[in-house]
Amino acid sequence: MLQENIDMFDLVIAEVHMPDMDGLKLLELVGLEMDLPVIMLSAHGETELVMKAISHGARDFLLKPVRLEELRNIWQHVIRNKESQFVWSVELHRKFLETVNQLGVDKAVPKKIFDLMNVENITREDVATHLQAFFQSFTL
């Protein structure tokens, strides 16, 4: 249904644990093949699960029950996706995570990450936006 009506959607919100499908597999399919921002949610907020979702390309990870304030801010993911021309692939996000780990979270600033990643067609602003989303994912 989603693939057939791709133009009707601006954002996908999906549960990590679904009965008929692995939410992380859906995340990869939607995030990479359809270039839609994906927000994952779960009743379980284990750090490993959150990191796995983010490393697979999730824009955010919401813990259930979702707070009203979080719902009010969801539109920002749609706007950010429409403004940004740069798409973070799973491979590129992994490189980003490796660079952040190499620098250390406390010293990971956009300029240093940008310089170390040394990726064509990426701007420091792209890195800064991605870093901000990365840090926001830890404010569960």
C-alpha atoms as a PDB file:
ATOM      1  CA  MET A   1       0.000   0.000   0.000  1.00  0.00           C
ATOM      2  CA  LEU A   2       2.753   2.448   0.904  1.00  0.00           C
ATOM      3  CA  GLN A   3       4.757   1.810  -2.265  1.00  0.00           C
ATOM      4  CA  GLU A   4       1.689   2.231  -4.460  1.00  0.00           C
ATOM      5  CA  ASN A   5       0.696   5.547  -2.835  1.00  0.00           C
ATOM      6  CA  ILE A   6       4.112   7.005  -2.026  1.00  0.00           C
ATOM      7  CA  ASP A   7       3.081  10.558  -2.985  1.00  0.00           C
ATOM      8  CA  MET A   8       0.356  10.549  -0.342  1.00  0.00           C
ATOM      9  CA  PHE A   9       2.788  10.178   2.571  1.00  0.00           C
ATOM     10  CA  ASP A  10       5.236  12.626   4.122  1.00  0.00           C
ATOM     11  CA  LEU A  11       6.237  10.581   7.158  1.00  0.00           C
ATOM     12  CA  VAL A  12       6.030   7.013   8.454  1.00  0.00           C
ATOM     13  CA  ILE A  13       5.568   6.160  12.129  1.00  0.00           C
ATOM     14  CA  ALA A  14       6.053   2.469  12.848  1.00  0.00           C
ATOM     15  CA  GLU A  15       6.200   0.158  15.838  1.00  0.00           C
ATOM     16  CA  VAL A  16       9.488  -1.718  16.226  1.00  0.00           C
ATOM     17  CA  HIS A  17       7.773  -4.954  17.271  1.00  0.00           C
ATOM     18  CA  MET A  18       4.982  -5.776  14.798  1.00  0.00           C
ATOM     19  CA  PRO A  19       3.282  -9.167  14.538  1.00  0.00           C
ATOM     20  CA  ASP A  20       3.741  -9.643  10.768  1.00  0.00           C
ATOM     21  CA  MET A  21       6.903  -7.674  10.050  1.00  0.00           C
ATOM     22  CA  ASP A  22      10.154  -6.612  11.645  1.00  0.00           C
ATOM     23  CA  GLY A  23       9.950  -2.858  12.199  1.00  0.00           C
ATOM     24  CA  LEU A  24      13.653  -2.399  11.469  1.00  0.00           C
ATOM     25  CA  LYS A  25      13.224  -4.102   8.090  1.00  0.00           C
ATOM     26  CA  LEU A  26      10.345  -1.737   7.324  1.00  0.00           C
ATOM     27  CA  LEU A  27      12.555   1.158   8.415  1.00  0.00           C
ATOM     28  CA  GLU A  28      15.246   0.183   5.920  1.00  0.00           C
ATOM     29  CA  LEU A  29      12.756  -0.297   3.102  1.00  0.00           C
ATOM     30  CA  VAL A  30      10.930   2.990   3.653  1.00  0.00           C
ATOM     31  CA  GLY A  31      13.928   5.102   4.623  1.00  0.00           C
ATOM     32  CA  LEU A  32      16.213   4.047   1.816  1.00  0.00           C
ATOM     33  CA  GLU A  33      14.013   2.982  -1.063  1.00  0.00           C
ATOM     34  CA  MET A  34      11.251   5.546  -0.615  1.00  0.00           C
ATOM     35  CA  ASP A  35      13.193   8.421   0.928  1.00  0.00           C
ATOM     36  CA  LEU A  36      10.584   9.075   3.612  1.00  0.00           C
ATOM     37  CA  PRO A  37      11.465  10.027   7.175  1.00  0.00           C
ATOM     38  CA  VAL A  38      10.654   7.217   9.599  1.00  0.00           C
ATOM     39  CA  ILE A  39       9.954   7.523  13.308  1.00  0.00           C
ATOM     40  CA  MET A  40      10.065   4.299  15.274  1.00  0.00           C
ATOM     41  CA  LEU A  41       8.163   3.670  18.483  1.00  0.00           C
ATOM     42  CA  SER A  42       8.184   1.027  21.140  1.00  0.00           C
ATOM     43  CA  ALA A  43       7.140   0.406  24.707  1.00  0.00           C
ATOM     44  CA  HIS A  44      10.736  -0.661  25.336  1.00  0.00           C
ATOM     45  CA  GLY A  45      13.461   1.976  25.329  1.00  0.00           C
ATOM     46  CA  GLU A  46      16.578  -0.150  25.730  1.00  0.00           C
ATOM     47  CA  THR A  47      19.625   1.747  24.524  1.00  0.00           C
ATOM     48  CA  GLU A  48      20.598  -1.083  22.162  1.00  0.00           C
ATOM     49  CA  LEU A  49      17.187  -1.023  20.467  1.00  0.00           C
ATOM     50  CA  VAL A  50      17.229   2.776  20.124  1.00  0.00           C
ATOM     51  CA  MET A  51      20.761   2.732  18.689  1.00  0.00           C
ATOM     52  CA  LYS A  52      19.834  -0.018  16.243  1.00  0.00           C
ATOM     53  CA  ALA A  53      16.824   1.957  14.993  1.00  0.00           C
ATOM     54  CA  ILE A  54      18.841   5.161  14.649  1.00  0.00           C
ATOM     55  CA  SER A  55      21.722   3.352  12.935  1.00  0.00           C
ATOM     56  CA  HIS A  56      19.205   1.877  10.478  1.00  0.00           C
ATOM     57  CA  GLY A  57      18.052   5.405   9.590  1.00  0.00           C
ATOM     58  CA  ALA A  58      15.199   6.289  11.960  1.00  0.00           C
ATOM     59  CA  ARG A  59      14.753  10.040  12.350  1.00  0.00           C
ATOM     60  CA  ASP A  60      13.508   9.614  15.890  1.00  0.00           C
ATOM     61  CA  PHE A  61      12.576   6.964  18.420  1.00  0.00           C
ATOM     62  CA  LEU A  62       9.528   7.571  20.577  1.00  0.00           C
ATOM     63  CA  LEU A  63       8.814   5.683  23.754  1.00  0.00           C
ATOM     64  CA  LYS A  64       5.209   4.645  24.358  1.00  0.00           C
ATOM     65  CA  PRO A  65       3.054   6.081  25.635  1.00  0.00           C
ATOM     66  CA  VAL A  66       3.926   8.998  23.379  1.00  0.00           C
ATOM     67  CA  ARG A  67       3.672  12.388  25.068  1.00  0.00           C
ATOM     68  CA  LEU A  68       1.580  15.139  23.483  1.00  0.00           C
ATOM     69  CA  GLU A  69       4.662  17.381  23.253  1.00  0.00           C
ATOM     70  CA  GLU A  70       6.423  14.761  21.121  1.00  0.00           C
ATOM     71  CA  LEU A  71       3.447  14.557  18.767  1.00  0.00           C
ATOM     72  CA  ARG A  72       3.435  18.326  18.370  1.00  0.00           C
ATOM     73  CA  ASN A  73       7.052  18.218  17.186  1.00  0.00           C
ATOM     74  CA  ILE A  74       6.698  15.410  14.650  1.00  0.00           C
ATOM     75  CA  TRP A  75       6.022  17.840  11.794  1.00  0.00           C
ATOM     76  CA  GLN A  76       9.648  19.024  12.082  1.00  0.00           C
ATOM     77  CA  HIS A  77      10.809  15.713  10.626  1.00  0.00           C
ATOM     78  CA  VAL A  78       8.665  16.282   7.547  1.00  0.00           C
ATOM     79  CA  ILE A  79       9.885  19.854   7.075  1.00  0.00           C
ATOM     80  CA  ARG A  80      13.495  18.821   7.619  1.00  0.00           C
ATOM     81  CA  ASN A  81      13.135  16.067   5.036  1.00  0.00           C
ATOM     82  CA  LYS A  82      11.675  18.441   2.441  1.00  0.00           C
ATOM     83  CA  GLU A  83      14.393  21.061   3.019  1.00  0.00           C
ATOM     84  CA  SER A  84      17.362  18.715   3.009  1.00  0.00           C
ATOM     85  CA  GLN A  85      18.561  17.420  -0.322  1.00  0.00           C
ATOM     86  CA  PHE A  86      21.056  15.110   1.357  1.00  0.00           C
ATOM     87  CA  VAL A  87      19.934  11.552   2.112  1.00  0.00           C
ATOM     88  CA  TRP A  88      21.647   9.667   4.916  1.00  0.00           C
ATOM     89  CA  SER A  89      22.033   6.075   3.778  1.00  0.00           C
ATOM     90  CA  VAL A  90      22.541   3.317   6.325  1.00  0.00           C
ATOM     91  CA  GLU A  91      26.177   3.036   5.237  1.00  0.00           C
ATOM     92  CA  LEU A  92      26.772   6.775   5.583  1.00  0.00           C
ATOM     93  CA  HIS A  93      25.058   6.840   8.974  1.00  0.00           C
ATOM     94  CA  ARG A  94      27.368   4.030  10.109  1.00  0.00           C
ATOM     95  CA  LYS A  95      30.348   6.100   8.979  1.00  0.00           C
ATOM     96  CA  PHE A  96      28.901   9.013  10.954  1.00  0.00           C
ATOM     97  CA  LEU A  97      28.588   6.808  14.070  1.00  0.00           C
ATOM     98  CA  GLU A  98      32.141   5.503  13.650  1.00  0.00           C
ATOM     99  CA  THR A  99      33.418   9.069  13.395  1.00  0.00           C
ATOM    100  CA  VAL A 100      31.479  10.154  16.498  1.00  0.00           C
ATOM    101  CA  ASN A 101      32.874   7.149  18.389  1.00  0.00           C
ATOM    102  CA  GLN A 102      36.394   7.913  17.149  1.00  0.00           C
ATOM    103  CA  LEU A 103      36.168  11.510  18.374  1.00  0.00           C
ATOM    104  CA  GLY A 104      34.282  10.665  21.536  1.00  0.00           C
ATOM    105  CA  VAL A 105      30.751  11.902  22.112  1.00  0.00           C
ATOM    106  CA  ASP A 106      31.943  14.853  24.210  1.00  0.00           C
ATOM    107  CA  LYS A 107      34.258  16.105  21.416  1.00  0.00           C
ATOM    108  CA  ALA A 108      32.025  15.304  18.450  1.00  0.00           C
ATOM    109  CA  VAL A 109      31.262  18.664  16.868  1.00  0.00           C
ATOM    110  CA  PRO A 110      30.006  19.168  13.300  1.00  0.00           C
ATOM    111  CA  LYS A 111      33.260  20.589  11.881  1.00  0.00           C
ATOM    112  CA  LYS A 112      35.414  17.751  13.223  1.00  0.00           C
ATOM    113  CA  ILE A 113      32.910  15.104  12.104  1.00  0.00           C
ATOM    114  CA  PHE A 114      32.623  16.747   8.675  1.00  0.00           C
ATOM    115  CA  ASP A 115      36.416  16.871   8.257  1.00  0.00           C
ATOM    116  CA  LEU A 116      36.984  13.273   9.377  1.00  0.00           C
ATOM    117  CA  MET A 117      34.123  11.814   7.338  1.00  0.00           C
ATOM    118  CA  ASN A 118      35.459  13.452   4.160  1.00  0.00           C
ATOM    119  CA  VAL A 119      32.357  12.610   2.103  1.00  0.00           C
ATOM    120  CA  GLU A 120      31.534  14.225  -1.219  1.00  0.00           C
ATOM    121  CA  ASN A 121      28.266  16.198  -1.542  1.00  0.00           C
ATOM    122  CA  ILE A 122      27.767  16.568   2.197  1.00  0.00           C
ATOM    123  CA  THR A 123      27.867  19.918   3.960  1.00  0.00           C
ATOM    124  CA  ARG A 124      28.800  20.828   7.497  1.00  0.00           C
ATOM    125  CA  GLU A 125      25.165  21.861   7.938  1.00  0.00           C
ATOM    126  CA  ASP A 126      24.039  18.343   6.911  1.00  0.00           C
ATOM    127  CA  VAL A 127      26.374  16.914   9.549  1.00  0.00           C
ATOM    128  CA  ALA A 128      25.191  19.436  12.160  1.00  0.00           C
ATOM    129  CA  THR A 129      21.542  18.587  11.517  1.00  0.00           C
ATOM    130  CA  HIS A 130      22.263  14.866  11.671  1.00  0.00           C
ATOM    131  CA  LEU A 131      24.272  15.271  14.882  1.00  0.00           C
ATOM    132  CA  GLN A 132      21.438  17.238  16.468  1.00  0.00           C
ATOM    133  CA  ALA A 133      18.927  14.530  15.539  1.00  0.00           C
ATOM    134  CA  PHE A 134      21.348  11.919  16.859  1.00  0.00           C
ATOM    135  CA  PHE A 135      21.617  13.646  20.255  1.00  0.00           C
ATOM    136  CA  GLN A 136      17.852  14.247  20.408  1.00  0.00           C
ATOM    137  CA  SER A 137      17.297  10.520  20.007  1.00  0.00           C
ATOM    138  CA  PHE A 138      18.805  10.050  23.472  1.00  0.00           C
ATOM    139  CA  THR A 139      16.297  12.344  25.168  1.00  0.00           C
ATOM    140  CA  LEU A 140      13.711   9.655  25.688  1.00  0.00           C
END
